[in-house]
Amino acid sequence: MAGRKKEHSRTLEFDDAALAGQLFGPQNANLGMVEDKAKVSIESRGGRLTLKASSEERLDLAEAVLTQLYGLLQKGRPVHPQDVDCACRMLARDPSTDLEAVFRDSVYTASAKRTVTPKTLTQRDYLTAIRSNDLVFAIGPAGTGKTYLAVAAAVAALTRREVKRIVLTRPAVEAGEKLGFLPGDLAEKINPYLRPLYDALHDMLDFRKVQEMLETGIIEVAPLAFMRGRTLNDAFVILDEAQNTTPEQMKMFLTRLGFGSRAVVTGDVTQIDLPSSSRSGLVQAAGILKRVTGIAFIRFNEDDVIRHPLVGRIVQAYDLHDQALEKGRDQH
């Protein structure tokens, strides 16, 4: 019929029924995710899949995702729903991506069942930068794994005895942080603002181990105000939420680094909570230090946001709702 789009199809065979079952997911949930992300339809019969789409490019994406993930399963690496989501995004962005090379690049193994690995190409570049530079700036939206991966890299460095301690810090703008504050003044107010750092730590190490390391000073979690006047030697230092530092605080922090230390500075320049009259120390540092040897800048974007597939669908539903409301207003 004239004007009808040609449908393209392709058949894939997966010989190992058990591995195919893991690849397809419970009630074929993983296949559903590939259908959604690659804009294809998939019919399954045993270990055989029939893929249909409006273009060869969409079939190429779906095939690459499924065959590469099956290859990971053959090598003993489990495939989780989050991996399917990440695989679709990475291969859509760069069809030459080798998923095994990305997923096998483990940062830290917390247990036999839990290994921290990069989930996007930018995360992979981020980890490479941390391994290769004494100072790394990671700038981008929330949910991209900036802080989580930095904490994992810090714990891995401590485990390998590359550093003697970990220092995690963030400015407490909401608690009215000033550089002159003394520890006692902030202790009560500050804890909620440091909670995300504790959460990441507890994901890597068991609770008792974290408490022990905090008590002995091997791990220190503190507001940025506590860094003043100190020199941090043989430490892995992470400055989180750095968009909320003033230029003075940022300079103070960066000049605390001592011998044998490395630092990661994370922040989202679209979420600055400073008074409108104050300039962000992160924004300024990104301009001043961009050509300094030994410093790397990694920039994340919305494509790097890692979230539960259901959350993605919820966000999408709200976006469609907002668009419909906007359209309705325009028509009246």
Protein backbone atom coordinates (compact mmCIF):
# COMPACT_ATOMS: atom_id res chain seq x y z
CA MET A 1 0.00 0.00 0.00
CA ALA A 2 1.21 3.49 -0.87
CA GLY A 3 2.60 5.47 2.06
CA ARG A 4 2.88 2.48 4.39
CA LYS A 5 6.19 2.24 6.20
CA LYS A 6 8.23 -0.86 5.55
CA GLU A 7 8.65 -3.10 8.60
CA HIS A 8 12.05 -4.63 9.20
CA SER A 9 12.51 -7.88 11.11
CA ARG A 10 15.32 -10.00 12.46
CA THR A 11 15.63 -13.31 14.33
CA LEU A 12 18.02 -13.99 17.21
CA GLU A 13 18.77 -17.43 18.67
CA PHE A 14 20.06 -18.02 22.23
CA ASP A 15 21.14 -21.64 22.71
CA ASP A 16 21.34 -21.81 26.51
CA ALA A 17 17.75 -21.81 27.84
CA ALA A 18 18.78 -20.95 31.41
CA LEU A 19 20.89 -17.97 30.32
CA ALA A 20 18.20 -16.86 27.87
CA GLY A 21 15.72 -16.84 30.77
CA GLN A 22 18.06 -14.60 32.77
CA LEU A 23 18.56 -12.33 29.76
CA PHE A 24 14.83 -12.00 29.09
CA GLY A 25 14.09 -11.34 32.78
CA PRO A 26 11.08 -12.31 34.94
CA GLN A 27 7.92 -12.20 32.77
CA ASN A 28 10.21 -10.97 29.96
CA ALA A 29 10.67 -7.67 31.81
CA ASN A 30 14.14 -7.07 30.32
CA LEU A 31 12.79 -7.63 26.81
CA GLY A 32 10.07 -5.09 27.56
CA MET A 33 12.73 -2.57 28.51
CA VAL A 34 14.62 -3.18 25.25
CA GLU A 35 11.34 -2.78 23.32
CA ASP A 36 10.74 0.56 25.01
CA LYS A 37 14.29 1.91 24.67
CA ALA A 38 15.04 0.70 21.13
CA LYS A 39 11.49 1.24 19.80
CA VAL A 40 11.16 -2.36 18.58
CA SER A 41 8.65 -5.16 19.15
CA ILE A 42 9.97 -8.51 20.38
CA GLU A 43 8.26 -11.91 20.23
CA SER A 44 9.86 -14.76 22.17
CA ARG A 45 9.50 -18.49 21.65
CA GLY A 46 11.89 -20.55 23.72
CA GLY A 47 15.35 -19.15 23.10
CA ARG A 48 14.35 -17.56 19.80
CA LEU A 49 13.47 -13.89 19.48
CA THR A 50 11.81 -12.18 16.53
CA LEU A 51 12.54 -8.45 16.44
CA LYS A 52 10.47 -6.01 14.36
CA ALA A 53 11.00 -2.28 13.87
CA SER A 54 10.51 0.58 11.44
CA SER A 55 14.25 0.81 10.71
CA GLU A 56 17.39 -1.32 10.57
CA GLU A 57 19.08 1.06 13.04
CA ARG A 58 16.54 0.18 15.74
CA LEU A 59 17.05 -3.52 15.09
CA ASP A 60 20.83 -3.01 15.25
CA LEU A 61 20.50 -1.37 18.68
CA ALA A 62 18.22 -4.08 20.10
CA GLU A 63 20.44 -6.87 18.72
CA ALA A 64 23.61 -5.28 20.08
CA VAL A 65 22.08 -4.88 23.55
CA LEU A 66 20.76 -8.44 23.71
CA THR A 67 23.79 -10.21 22.23
CA GLN A 68 26.31 -8.29 24.34
CA LEU A 69 24.34 -8.86 27.57
CA TYR A 70 24.04 -12.56 26.67
CA GLY A 71 27.82 -12.61 26.25
CA LEU A 72 28.20 -11.20 29.78
CA LEU A 73 25.91 -13.93 31.15
CA GLN A 74 28.00 -16.58 29.37
CA LYS A 75 31.05 -15.27 31.21
CA GLY A 76 29.32 -15.55 34.59
CA ARG A 77 28.36 -11.91 35.09
CA PRO A 78 24.72 -11.50 36.19
CA VAL A 79 22.53 -9.03 34.31
CA HIS A 80 20.21 -6.79 36.32
CA PRO A 81 17.36 -4.58 35.01
CA GLN A 82 19.55 -1.52 35.61
CA ASP A 83 22.22 -3.06 33.35
CA VAL A 84 19.70 -3.43 30.53
CA ASP A 85 18.69 0.21 30.87
CA CYS A 86 22.34 1.34 30.93
CA ALA A 87 23.26 -0.94 27.99
CA CYS A 88 20.48 0.55 25.85
CA ARG A 89 21.59 4.08 26.62
CA MET A 90 25.30 3.43 26.08
CA LEU A 91 24.84 1.62 22.77
CA ALA A 92 22.33 4.22 21.53
CA ARG A 93 24.93 6.88 22.24
CA ASP A 94 27.89 4.94 20.82
CA PRO A 95 27.14 1.72 18.86
CA SER A 96 30.82 0.68 19.11
CA THR A 97 30.62 0.43 22.93
CA ASP A 98 32.00 -2.80 24.39
CA LEU A 99 29.70 -3.45 27.35
CA GLU A 100 32.03 -6.04 28.84
CA ALA A 101 34.89 -3.53 28.93
CA VAL A 102 32.65 -1.02 30.74
CA PHE A 103 30.91 -3.38 33.18
CA ARG A 104 34.06 -5.37 33.97
CA ASP A 105 35.86 -2.19 35.07
CA SER A 106 35.03 -2.72 38.74
CA VAL A 107 35.94 0.02 41.18
CA TYR A 108 35.30 -1.80 44.40
CA THR A 109 33.96 -5.21 45.40
CA ALA A 110 31.87 -4.80 48.54
CA SER A 111 30.94 -8.49 48.72
CA ALA A 112 30.71 -11.60 46.58
CA LYS A 113 27.31 -10.37 45.37
CA ARG A 114 28.03 -6.63 45.15
CA THR A 115 30.60 -5.03 42.87
CA VAL A 116 30.60 -1.32 42.04
CA THR A 117 31.08 -0.81 38.29
CA PRO A 118 30.52 2.10 35.88
CA LYS A 119 27.04 2.18 34.34
CA THR A 120 27.62 4.79 31.62
CA LEU A 121 30.48 5.82 29.35
CA THR A 122 30.90 9.06 31.30
CA GLN A 123 31.18 7.07 34.54
CA ARG A 124 33.90 4.98 32.91
CA ASP A 125 35.77 8.15 31.86
CA TYR A 126 35.31 9.50 35.40
CA LEU A 127 36.93 6.45 36.98
CA THR A 128 39.80 6.60 34.49
CA ALA A 129 40.30 10.27 35.40
CA ILE A 130 40.33 9.49 39.15
CA ARG A 131 43.00 6.83 38.59
CA SER A 132 45.12 9.15 36.45
CA ASN A 133 44.89 12.54 38.22
CA ASP A 134 45.44 13.91 41.71
CA LEU A 135 42.45 16.23 41.38
CA VAL A 136 39.21 15.55 39.50
CA PHE A 137 36.16 17.76 39.16
CA ALA A 138 32.89 15.96 38.38
CA ILE A 139 30.16 18.35 37.32
CA GLY A 140 26.60 17.35 36.42
CA PRO A 141 23.06 16.66 37.63
CA ALA A 142 22.03 14.59 40.64
CA GLY A 143 21.70 10.84 40.14
CA THR A 144 24.70 10.45 37.83
CA GLY A 145 26.81 8.60 40.42
CA LYS A 146 29.38 11.36 40.94
CA THR A 147 29.56 11.04 44.73
CA TYR A 148 28.85 7.31 44.92
CA LEU A 149 31.67 6.37 42.54
CA ALA A 150 34.07 8.78 44.25
CA VAL A 151 33.37 7.13 47.62
CA ALA A 152 33.84 3.68 46.02
CA ALA A 153 37.19 4.81 44.53
CA ALA A 154 38.22 6.19 47.93
CA VAL A 155 37.36 2.96 49.76
CA ALA A 156 39.22 0.96 47.08
CA ALA A 157 42.31 3.19 47.47
CA LEU A 158 42.19 2.78 51.25
CA THR A 159 41.81 -1.01 50.93
CA ARG A 160 44.85 -1.12 48.62
CA ARG A 161 46.75 1.10 51.12
CA GLU A 162 47.33 3.79 48.52
CA VAL A 163 46.07 6.29 51.12
CA LYS A 164 45.90 6.18 54.92
CA ARG A 165 42.49 7.78 55.35
CA ILE A 166 39.38 9.13 53.68
CA VAL A 167 37.99 12.61 54.26
CA LEU A 168 34.45 13.33 53.06
CA THR A 169 33.21 16.89 53.27
CA ARG A 170 30.51 19.18 51.96
CA PRO A 171 29.52 22.80 52.60
CA ALA A 172 26.46 23.23 54.81
CA VAL A 173 24.84 26.25 53.24
CA GLU A 174 21.44 25.27 54.62
CA ALA A 175 22.89 25.26 58.15
CA GLY A 176 24.36 28.71 57.62
CA GLU A 177 27.98 27.60 57.40
CA LYS A 178 30.62 30.28 57.89
CA LEU A 179 34.34 29.56 57.79
CA GLY A 180 34.80 30.79 61.35
CA PHE A 181 32.32 28.33 62.89
CA LEU A 182 33.68 25.95 65.48
CA PRO A 183 32.88 22.21 65.42
CA GLY A 184 30.57 22.30 68.43
CA ASP A 185 28.37 24.94 66.85
CA LEU A 186 27.58 22.79 63.84
CA ALA A 187 27.47 19.26 65.19
CA GLU A 188 23.70 19.22 65.78
CA LYS A 189 22.70 21.08 62.61
CA ILE A 190 25.16 19.49 60.25
CA ASN A 191 24.36 15.78 60.43
CA PRO A 192 21.43 15.75 57.95
CA TYR A 193 23.60 17.42 55.31
CA LEU A 194 26.31 14.78 55.64
CA ARG A 195 23.86 11.87 55.55
CA PRO A 196 24.30 11.12 51.78
CA LEU A 197 28.02 10.59 52.39
CA TYR A 198 27.30 8.17 55.24
CA ASP A 199 24.78 6.34 53.04
CA ALA A 200 27.37 5.79 50.31
CA LEU A 201 29.90 4.56 52.87
CA HIS A 202 27.45 2.07 54.38
CA ASP A 203 26.78 0.71 50.90
CA MET A 204 30.49 -0.19 50.55
CA LEU A 205 31.36 -1.33 54.07
CA ASP A 206 29.43 -3.01 56.86
CA PHE A 207 28.07 -0.79 59.62
CA ARG A 208 30.51 -1.93 62.30
CA LYS A 209 33.51 -1.34 60.03
CA VAL A 210 32.34 2.19 59.20
CA GLN A 211 31.83 3.00 62.90
CA GLU A 212 35.26 1.64 63.76
CA MET A 213 36.94 3.69 61.01
CA LEU A 214 35.07 6.83 62.04
CA GLU A 215 36.11 6.38 65.67
CA THR A 216 39.78 5.88 64.78
CA GLY A 217 39.83 8.75 62.27
CA ILE A 218 40.59 6.51 59.27
CA ILE A 219 37.37 7.91 57.81
CA GLU A 220 36.31 11.46 58.58
CA VAL A 221 32.97 12.94 57.55
CA ALA A 222 32.81 16.65 58.31
CA PRO A 223 31.51 20.00 57.09
CA LEU A 224 33.85 22.05 54.95
CA ALA A 225 34.39 24.57 57.77
CA PHE A 226 36.44 21.93 59.61
CA MET A 227 39.05 21.84 56.83
CA ARG A 228 40.42 25.30 57.54
CA GLY A 229 44.01 25.45 58.71
CA ARG A 230 44.72 21.77 58.04
CA THR A 231 46.99 19.99 55.59
CA LEU A 232 45.70 16.62 54.47
CA ASN A 233 48.52 14.17 53.72
CA ASP A 234 48.07 10.59 52.42
CA ALA A 235 44.31 11.10 52.18
CA PHE A 236 41.59 10.60 49.60
CA VAL A 237 39.46 13.72 49.97
CA ILE A 238 35.99 14.19 48.49
CA LEU A 239 34.28 17.57 48.41
CA ASP A 240 30.59 17.00 47.65
CA GLU A 241 27.96 19.62 46.65
CA ALA A 242 30.84 21.92 45.71
CA GLN A 243 28.53 24.28 43.79
CA ASN A 244 27.64 25.67 47.24
CA THR A 245 31.18 26.72 48.10
CA THR A 246 32.19 30.35 47.84
CA PRO A 247 35.37 31.12 45.85
CA GLU A 248 37.20 31.60 49.18
CA GLN A 249 36.05 28.22 50.49
CA MET A 250 37.01 26.46 47.26
CA LYS A 251 40.50 27.97 47.27
CA MET A 252 40.86 27.08 50.95
CA PHE A 253 39.87 23.47 50.23
CA LEU A 254 42.10 23.01 47.19
CA THR A 255 45.14 24.33 49.07
CA ARG A 256 44.60 21.79 51.91
CA LEU A 257 45.89 18.94 49.74
CA GLY A 258 49.15 17.52 51.05
CA PHE A 259 51.67 14.93 49.87
CA GLY A 260 50.30 11.56 48.82
CA SER A 261 46.75 12.92 48.65
CA ARG A 262 44.20 13.07 45.90
CA ALA A 263 40.85 14.82 45.73
CA VAL A 264 37.54 14.58 43.91
CA VAL A 265 35.26 17.61 43.79
CA THR A 266 31.62 16.99 42.80
CA GLY A 267 28.78 19.38 42.15
CA ASP A 268 25.81 20.47 40.05
CA VAL A 269 26.13 24.04 38.82
CA THR A 270 22.37 24.19 38.14
CA GLN A 271 21.55 23.69 41.84
CA ILE A 272 23.37 26.53 43.59
CA ASP A 273 21.91 27.40 47.01
CA LEU A 274 24.21 30.34 47.75
CA PRO A 275 22.78 33.85 48.21
CA SER A 276 22.33 35.54 44.81
CA SER A 277 25.14 37.96 45.63
CA SER A 278 27.67 35.11 46.06
CA ARG A 279 29.50 33.45 43.18
CA SER A 280 29.94 29.67 43.21
CA GLY A 281 33.47 28.53 43.94
CA LEU A 282 32.92 25.55 41.65
CA VAL A 283 31.95 27.71 38.68
CA GLN A 284 34.97 29.93 39.26
CA ALA A 285 37.38 27.00 39.72
CA ALA A 286 36.16 25.39 36.48
CA GLY A 287 37.20 28.54 34.65
CA ILE A 288 40.51 29.14 36.43
CA LEU A 289 41.83 25.57 36.55
CA LYS A 290 40.70 24.10 33.22
CA ARG A 291 44.21 24.11 31.73
CA VAL A 292 46.19 23.15 34.84
CA THR A 293 48.18 19.91 34.43
CA GLY A 294 47.14 17.10 36.79
CA ILE A 295 43.52 18.26 37.03
CA ALA A 296 40.70 16.60 35.08
CA PHE A 297 37.16 17.85 34.49
CA ILE A 298 34.41 15.31 33.81
CA ARG A 299 31.00 16.62 32.80
CA PHE A 300 27.87 14.50 33.22
CA ASN A 301 24.51 15.23 31.60
CA GLU A 302 20.90 13.98 31.82
CA ASP A 303 21.77 10.89 29.74
CA ASP A 304 24.02 9.74 32.61
CA VAL A 305 21.28 9.80 35.27
CA ILE A 306 20.91 6.32 36.76
CA ARG A 307 17.51 5.51 38.20
CA HIS A 308 15.08 2.65 38.62
CA PRO A 309 13.30 2.04 35.29
CA LEU A 310 9.96 2.64 37.03
CA VAL A 311 11.14 6.08 38.17
CA GLY A 312 12.01 6.86 34.55
CA ARG A 313 8.47 5.94 33.50
CA ILE A 314 6.98 8.01 36.34
CA VAL A 315 9.03 11.06 35.29
CA GLN A 316 7.98 10.50 31.68
CA ALA A 317 4.29 10.30 32.69
CA TYR A 318 4.53 13.57 34.64
CA ASP A 319 6.29 15.23 31.69
CA LEU A 320 3.49 14.14 29.33
CA HIS A 321 0.90 15.38 31.83
CA ASP A 322 2.63 18.77 32.07
CA GLN A 323 2.85 19.00 28.27
CA ALA A 324 -0.87 18.23 27.93
CA LEU A 325 -1.72 20.92 30.48
CA GLU A 326 0.51 23.40 28.65
CA LYS A 327 -1.14 22.52 25.35
CA GLY A 328 -4.59 22.97 26.91
CA ARG A 329 -3.65 26.43 28.17
CA ASP A 330 -2.36 27.43 24.73
CA GLN A 331 -5.68 26.44 23.13
CA HIS A 332 -7.76 28.60 25.47
